[in-house]
Amino acid sequence: MSSRVHVSREDLEDQIRRGEIDTVLMVFPDLQGRLVGKRTTGRFFLEQVADSGTENCDYLIACDMDNNPVPGYRFTSYEQGYGDMLARADWDTVRITPWVDRTAMIMCDLHDVDTGELVEVAPRSILRRQVDKAAAKGYLPMVASEIEFYLFKDTYDEAHDKGYRDLRPHSPWLEDYHVLQTTKDEYILGQIRRGLEAAGVPVEFSKGEAGKGQHEINLDYTTAVEMADRNSVYKNAAKEIAHLSGRSVSFMAKYDFNDTGSSCHIHSSLWSLDGETALFQGDHHDAHHMSPLFQHYLAGLIATSREFSLLWAPTINSYKRFQ
């Protein structure tokens, strides 16, 4: 596990005072994994936001893919009146985003505006509770990801204007591991890799994938909440960088039924709480070198796969990937 570029609160405040940063994104993931939140000016951030946080409407964690509030939630609804949540900075997540001029990003935890308690149904809160439960049993979950996407010649506006049909992949060729073909896309992919590294999202590598204009970027493994944050930052960065270059990307599971689907491969393991010992390695007496913990872990994944498909395949489009 590599250490990421760390920006402390003091570092950020100094950069704001020097005029190097004039915009701070206070963000959190919605139910689709997208980053939502507010841009604050550097001055206002120092004066009001750094200690107190920002208020955001609570319907933001009850929206569908089109950002429409979905009825029927106990947490928030039109009937009970949409309220606010308080987004407070997680100071371990400060990032400078070099692809957007003079801008920093901070992941936030969501709190009840009246009680100050964490919003239990917020995605980061849910994941952190699971990590805490694992820690109580002596385990540290570690995670890595491989997330695939398509790069298109169309801009986002052009794709919208033609109903997201007949999109033009950036390459007419299958690119799986192909160096020459991916070099043609490197003016985008290189920006994404370098931007992520500078923003504290360590990248192992990128490669062409089996579809036309399809790519994969692998992120270095880390703790569960940090990896979830990195995935959201990665997808947001890829879309913004593509947009700034007059291109677009899609992480849809199956953007075209006749083309290769895009996957999100998740590698997970359990370690000792100090992060020094991997707990899945068995001894030489086991034919597959699997520890009993690993065997039970894998069995649990298999036994609960039907229920967890609600999270692994959350949209109609997800099931097209299962063809």
Foldseek 3Di string as FASTA:
>chain_A
DDFADWAFPVNVLVCLVVVQAFWEFEWEQALVLATDGDIDTSVCCVVPDQPFADKDWPQRNQADPVRHHDPDDPVAHVVVPTDIKGWYFPRRQWFDQVVDGRYIYTYTFTADPPPRHGDCPGVLNVVVVVQVVQVVVQKFKKKKKKWKKFKFLAAPVRCVVVVVPPTHTPFPDFWFQNDVRCVSVCVLVVCLQVRLRRGGFHWPDKGGHGWGRMIITITDMDGDSVNSVSVNVSVVSSQSSQNVVNIGMDRFQPSDLPTAGIAMDMDMFIAGPVRPGTDQAADPVDPVRGDPVRVVVVVVCVVCVVVCCCVRQVDPSSVSNVD
